Amino acid sequence: YDQYGEMWKYYSEQQQQPGGFSGGGGWQDLRDFGFGGLGDLFATLFGDAFGRGRTAETEFGSVFDASLDVEYPIEVSLEEAYSGATRTLSLTLQDTCQQCGGTGASRTRSGYFTLGQACPNCHGRGTIPRSRRLEVRIPPGVQDGSKIRLAGEGLTGRGGQRGDLYLIVRMRPHPVFERKGDDLYVEVDVPYTIAALGGEVRVPTLKGNVTMKVPAGTQSGQVFRLVGQGMPHLKGGGYGDLYARVRITVPRTLSARERELLQQLAQLHGTATTARV
């Protein structure tokens, strides 16, 4: 009201005069305020499309965005986040119709009157679909929630200005590794003999298996840190670490000789075949 109050006051007074706007003078007076008619007035006060937002149709459904920027979810595997990857995306954006400016209406003048009809270009929708195929580079080190900005690839507004497209990374769960920031966690099976006597085991990483030394007396659940074997840092050089959590394994079946030796070991420890609780 602060901006258009005087005009509304004038409009009310005109309605109370004989003939109101029917004689056409009211429409002319509205143009004195910079409006072509009530359509222009309502578009200015309430928005060109009366609350119609801009949307992008993606494989995940409709994404609503009140500006020209669009957010698009993209699922990324841990391997892609480690090495980087190139993706081809197909999406359809609903751009503002340039012919009607997003109002969905086409205006023509007849004397003092401004007549409106559905825009022939967008058929009254106010938007025009635009299909796109984009080659996207996923940088190494992205994580869940990371945003990849593609400048000028968003929605098209009035005058042809373009917003930006933001790819929102969603990390796909991995069957082997758990990720926390730039660090990785993995379960490593260690035979009970190596856990007791010490030795070496193979540990999986995203670059391949590496050898890890296991000291004698290692306990189940113990964690060893492998420096630099985690995820690359998104900003700056270097890598996170890999944490290997020990899971001691015992054989399901024993040979007669193995059983004999284990029984002897149990007698040396005074445990026989019954463990103390």
Protein backbone atom coordinates (compact mmCIF):
# COMPACT_ATOMS: atom_id res chain seq x y z
CA TYR A 1 0.00 0.00 0.00
CA ASP A 2 2.90 2.39 0.73
CA GLN A 3 3.92 2.30 -2.93
CA TYR A 4 0.50 2.08 -4.64
CA GLY A 5 -1.80 3.53 -1.99
CA GLU A 6 -2.55 6.76 -3.83
CA MET A 7 -3.43 4.85 -6.97
CA TRP A 8 -5.84 2.59 -5.07
CA LYS A 9 -7.41 5.66 -3.49
CA TYR A 10 -7.83 7.17 -6.94
CA TYR A 11 -9.27 3.93 -8.28
CA SER A 12 -11.89 3.85 -5.48
CA GLU A 13 -12.92 7.42 -6.15
CA GLN A 14 -13.34 6.66 -9.87
CA GLN A 15 -15.63 3.74 -9.07
CA GLN A 16 -17.89 6.02 -7.04
CA GLN A 17 -18.22 8.52 -9.89
CA PRO A 18 -20.99 8.11 -12.46
CA GLY A 19 -19.92 5.56 -15.03
CA GLY A 20 -16.86 4.48 -13.01
CA PHE A 21 -14.42 2.97 -15.43
CA SER A 22 -17.02 2.07 -18.00
CA GLY A 23 -16.34 5.20 -20.00
CA GLY A 24 -12.74 4.24 -20.45
CA GLY A 25 -11.31 7.23 -18.54
CA GLY A 26 -10.30 5.02 -15.64
CA TRP A 27 -8.22 2.79 -17.86
CA GLN A 28 -6.46 5.83 -19.25
CA ASP A 29 -5.78 7.05 -15.72
CA LEU A 30 -4.27 3.69 -14.77
CA ARG A 31 -1.88 4.15 -17.65
CA ASP A 32 -0.90 7.46 -16.10
CA PHE A 33 0.45 5.42 -13.21
CA GLY A 34 2.54 3.31 -15.61
CA PHE A 35 0.14 0.36 -16.00
CA GLY A 36 -1.44 -0.93 -19.21
CA GLY A 37 -4.50 -2.10 -17.29
CA LEU A 38 -5.56 -4.23 -14.35
CA GLY A 39 -3.45 -7.11 -15.67
CA ASP A 40 -0.32 -4.98 -15.35
CA LEU A 41 -1.41 -3.79 -11.94
CA PHE A 42 -1.98 -7.29 -10.55
CA ALA A 43 1.25 -8.52 -12.11
CA THR A 44 3.15 -5.76 -10.33
CA LEU A 45 1.45 -6.26 -7.00
CA PHE A 46 1.25 -10.07 -6.89
CA GLY A 47 3.80 -11.37 -9.39
CA ASP A 48 3.57 -11.99 -13.11
CA ALA A 49 2.20 -15.50 -12.79
CA PHE A 50 0.19 -15.06 -9.57
CA GLY A 51 2.51 -17.29 -7.56
CA ARG A 52 3.68 -19.52 -10.41
CA GLY A 53 7.19 -20.65 -9.55
CA ARG A 54 9.89 -21.79 -11.88
CA THR A 55 10.51 -25.52 -11.90
CA ALA A 56 12.98 -28.05 -13.27
CA GLU A 57 11.80 -31.55 -14.16
CA THR A 58 14.51 -34.09 -13.26
CA GLU A 59 14.74 -37.84 -12.91
CA PHE A 60 14.12 -37.26 -9.18
CA GLY A 61 10.89 -35.30 -9.77
CA SER A 62 10.06 -31.59 -9.86
CA VAL A 63 12.52 -29.21 -8.23
CA PHE A 64 11.00 -25.86 -7.22
CA ASP A 65 13.14 -22.72 -7.12
CA ALA A 66 11.79 -19.18 -6.82
CA SER A 67 14.88 -17.66 -8.46
CA LEU A 68 16.59 -18.48 -11.72
CA ASP A 69 18.99 -20.87 -9.96
CA VAL A 70 18.19 -24.59 -9.97
CA GLU A 71 19.38 -27.34 -7.62
CA TYR A 72 19.70 -30.81 -9.13
CA PRO A 73 20.54 -33.91 -7.04
CA ILE A 74 23.24 -36.19 -8.41
CA GLU A 75 24.24 -39.56 -6.93
CA VAL A 76 28.00 -40.19 -6.81
CA SER A 77 29.84 -43.40 -5.94
CA LEU A 78 32.78 -43.43 -3.55
CA GLU A 79 35.10 -44.43 -6.40
CA GLU A 80 33.92 -41.44 -8.47
CA ALA A 81 34.41 -39.13 -5.51
CA TYR A 82 37.93 -40.52 -5.06
CA SER A 83 39.17 -40.25 -8.65
CA GLY A 84 36.77 -37.70 -10.12
CA ALA A 85 34.44 -38.47 -13.01
CA THR A 86 32.59 -37.05 -16.00
CA ARG A 87 28.81 -37.42 -16.21
CA THR A 88 26.29 -36.68 -18.95
CA LEU A 89 23.09 -35.24 -17.50
CA SER A 90 19.73 -34.88 -19.24
CA LEU A 91 17.21 -32.49 -17.73
CA THR A 92 14.31 -30.29 -18.79
CA LEU A 93 13.95 -26.77 -17.43
CA GLN A 94 10.79 -24.67 -17.49
CA ASP A 95 12.07 -21.27 -18.66
CA THR A 96 10.15 -18.01 -18.56
CA CYS A 97 8.31 -17.40 -21.81
CA GLN A 98 10.05 -14.49 -23.50
CA GLN A 99 6.98 -13.50 -25.50
CA CYS A 100 4.69 -12.84 -22.52
CA GLY A 101 7.36 -12.37 -19.85
CA GLY A 102 5.95 -15.25 -17.79
CA THR A 103 2.44 -13.85 -17.38
CA GLY A 104 0.86 -16.43 -19.66
CA ALA A 105 -1.18 -13.67 -21.30
CA SER A 106 -0.94 -11.72 -24.54
CA ARG A 107 -2.27 -8.15 -24.44
CA THR A 108 -3.80 -6.15 -27.26
CA ARG A 109 -5.32 -2.67 -27.14
CA SER A 110 -8.71 -1.69 -28.41
CA GLY A 111 -9.34 1.99 -27.95
CA TYR A 112 -9.06 2.75 -24.25
CA PHE A 113 -9.18 -0.93 -23.31
CA THR A 114 -6.41 -3.49 -22.92
CA LEU A 115 -7.62 -6.95 -23.91
CA GLY A 116 -5.91 -10.12 -22.74
CA GLN A 117 -5.80 -13.64 -24.09
CA ALA A 118 -3.64 -16.72 -23.58
CA CYS A 119 -0.12 -16.28 -24.88
CA PRO A 120 0.16 -18.19 -28.19
CA ASN A 121 3.79 -19.07 -27.50
CA CYS A 122 3.38 -20.79 -24.09
CA HIS A 123 -0.42 -21.39 -24.31
CA GLY A 124 -1.02 -19.54 -21.05
CA ARG A 125 1.50 -21.48 -18.95
CA GLY A 126 4.03 -18.67 -18.70
CA THR A 127 6.91 -21.10 -19.20
CA ILE A 128 8.57 -22.92 -22.09
CA PRO A 129 10.27 -26.33 -21.60
CA ARG A 130 13.95 -26.44 -22.55
CA SER A 131 15.73 -29.81 -22.68
CA ARG A 132 19.45 -29.91 -21.97
CA ARG A 133 22.29 -32.45 -22.14
CA LEU A 134 25.30 -31.40 -20.10
CA GLU A 135 28.77 -32.85 -19.68
CA VAL A 136 29.64 -32.43 -16.01
CA ARG A 137 33.01 -32.89 -14.33
CA ILE A 138 32.81 -34.24 -10.78
CA PRO A 139 35.98 -33.15 -8.96
CA PRO A 140 37.86 -35.54 -6.66
CA GLY A 141 37.01 -35.15 -2.99
CA VAL A 142 33.32 -34.25 -3.22
CA GLN A 143 31.20 -35.50 -0.35
CA ASP A 144 27.55 -35.68 0.61
CA GLY A 145 26.02 -32.20 0.27
CA SER A 146 28.79 -30.75 -1.89
CA LYS A 147 27.59 -28.28 -4.53
CA ILE A 148 28.95 -28.20 -8.07
CA ARG A 149 28.09 -24.88 -9.77
CA LEU A 150 27.45 -24.70 -13.52
CA ALA A 151 27.28 -21.00 -14.33
CA GLY A 152 24.56 -19.90 -16.74
CA GLU A 153 22.93 -23.34 -16.94
CA GLY A 154 19.93 -22.52 -14.76
CA LEU A 155 16.54 -21.11 -15.75
CA THR A 156 16.03 -18.34 -18.29
CA GLY A 157 14.17 -15.30 -17.03
CA ARG A 158 12.92 -12.08 -18.57
CA GLY A 159 15.27 -10.58 -21.07
CA GLY A 160 17.08 -13.89 -21.51
CA GLN A 161 19.14 -13.70 -18.31
CA ARG A 162 20.24 -17.10 -17.05
CA GLY A 163 20.56 -18.47 -13.54
CA ASP A 164 23.03 -21.11 -12.40
CA LEU A 165 22.65 -24.86 -12.04
CA TYR A 166 23.84 -26.36 -8.75
CA LEU A 167 24.47 -30.09 -8.60
CA ILE A 168 23.89 -31.36 -5.05
CA VAL A 169 26.02 -34.44 -4.39
CA ARG A 170 24.38 -37.45 -2.75
CA MET A 171 26.93 -40.12 -1.85
CA ARG A 172 25.98 -43.71 -2.63
CA PRO A 173 26.59 -46.10 0.32
CA HIS A 174 29.63 -48.33 -0.16
CA PRO A 175 29.63 -52.05 0.72
CA VAL A 176 33.19 -52.02 2.12
CA PHE A 177 34.16 -48.53 3.28
CA GLU A 178 32.54 -46.10 5.67
CA ARG A 179 33.35 -42.45 5.09
CA LYS A 180 33.66 -39.73 7.73
CA GLY A 181 34.79 -36.48 6.18
CA ASP A 182 37.92 -37.33 4.22
CA ASP A 183 38.74 -40.39 6.34
CA LEU A 184 37.73 -43.96 5.51
CA TYR A 185 37.00 -46.86 7.86
CA VAL A 186 37.21 -50.54 6.96
CA GLU A 187 36.92 -53.89 8.75
CA VAL A 188 39.99 -56.15 8.32
CA ASP A 189 39.95 -59.86 9.05
CA VAL A 190 43.04 -61.01 10.97
CA PRO A 191 43.63 -64.72 11.61
CA TYR A 192 43.96 -65.55 15.31
CA THR A 193 47.48 -66.87 14.77
CA ILE A 194 48.69 -63.55 13.31
CA ALA A 195 46.86 -61.61 16.02
CA ALA A 196 48.69 -63.69 18.65
CA LEU A 197 52.13 -63.96 17.03
CA GLY A 198 52.22 -60.82 14.89
CA GLY A 199 52.57 -60.63 11.14
CA GLU A 200 51.12 -58.90 8.09
CA VAL A 201 47.68 -58.69 6.50
CA ARG A 202 46.30 -57.15 3.31
CA VAL A 203 44.07 -54.11 3.71
CA PRO A 204 41.75 -52.86 0.93
CA THR A 205 41.98 -49.22 -0.17
CA LEU A 206 40.42 -47.34 -3.06
CA LYS A 207 43.75 -47.62 -4.88
CA GLY A 208 44.12 -51.36 -4.29
CA ASN A 209 45.33 -53.58 -1.45
CA VAL A 210 48.21 -52.52 0.80
CA THR A 211 50.17 -54.44 3.44
CA MET A 212 49.66 -53.63 7.10
CA LYS A 213 51.86 -54.89 9.92
CA VAL A 214 50.01 -56.42 12.85
CA PRO A 215 51.90 -56.51 16.16
CA ALA A 216 51.77 -59.59 18.40
CA GLY A 217 48.93 -59.54 20.86
CA THR A 218 46.55 -57.53 18.67
CA GLN A 219 43.00 -57.54 20.02
CA SER A 220 39.71 -57.71 18.15
CA GLY A 221 38.31 -54.20 17.59
CA GLN A 222 41.73 -52.58 17.69
CA VAL A 223 42.12 -49.82 15.10
CA PHE A 224 45.21 -49.05 13.02
CA ARG A 225 45.71 -45.82 11.09
CA LEU A 226 47.06 -45.85 7.54
CA VAL A 227 48.16 -42.30 6.79
CA GLY A 228 47.17 -40.83 3.41
CA GLN A 229 45.02 -43.77 2.34
CA GLY A 230 41.71 -41.92 2.69
CA MET A 231 39.81 -39.53 0.39
CA PRO A 232 41.44 -36.61 -1.43
CA HIS A 233 40.82 -33.17 0.03
CA LEU A 234 38.38 -31.21 -2.12
CA LYS A 235 40.23 -27.97 -1.44
CA GLY A 236 43.98 -28.17 -1.28
CA GLY A 237 46.26 -31.15 -1.76
CA GLY A 238 46.67 -34.27 0.28
CA TYR A 239 44.47 -37.11 1.44
CA GLY A 240 42.64 -38.20 4.53
CA ASP A 241 43.53 -41.39 6.41
CA LEU A 242 42.26 -44.95 6.39
CA TYR A 243 41.37 -46.60 9.70
CA ALA A 244 41.52 -50.39 9.72
CA ARG A 245 39.45 -52.02 12.46
CA VAL A 246 40.65 -55.53 13.36
CA ARG A 247 38.24 -58.43 13.31
CA ILE A 248 39.98 -61.60 14.56
CA THR A 249 38.89 -64.77 12.82
CA VAL A 250 39.17 -68.40 13.91
CA PRO A 251 38.83 -71.47 11.69
CA ARG A 252 35.45 -73.21 11.61
CA THR A 253 37.09 -76.63 11.36
CA LEU A 254 40.41 -77.96 12.73
CA SER A 255 42.61 -80.81 11.70
CA ALA A 256 43.52 -83.38 14.31
CA ARG A 257 47.01 -81.91 14.61
CA GLU A 258 45.70 -78.35 14.98
CA ARG A 259 43.30 -79.44 17.68
CA GLU A 260 46.09 -81.25 19.53
CA LEU A 261 48.34 -78.18 19.44
CA LEU A 262 45.57 -75.86 20.62
CA GLN A 263 44.74 -78.18 23.50
CA GLN A 264 48.39 -78.15 24.52
CA LEU A 265 48.37 -74.36 24.36
CA ALA A 266 45.23 -74.25 26.46
CA GLN A 267 46.85 -76.47 29.10
CA LEU A 268 49.88 -74.15 29.19
CA HIS A 269 47.57 -71.25 29.93
CA GLY A 270 45.60 -73.27 32.42
CA THR A 271 42.39 -72.75 30.47
CA ALA A 272 41.90 -76.29 29.17
CA THR A 273 38.76 -76.15 27.06
CA THR A 274 36.73 -73.99 29.45
CA ALA A 275 37.27 -70.25 29.38
CA ARG A 276 36.84 -68.18 32.53
CA VAL A 277 34.03 -65.60 32.44
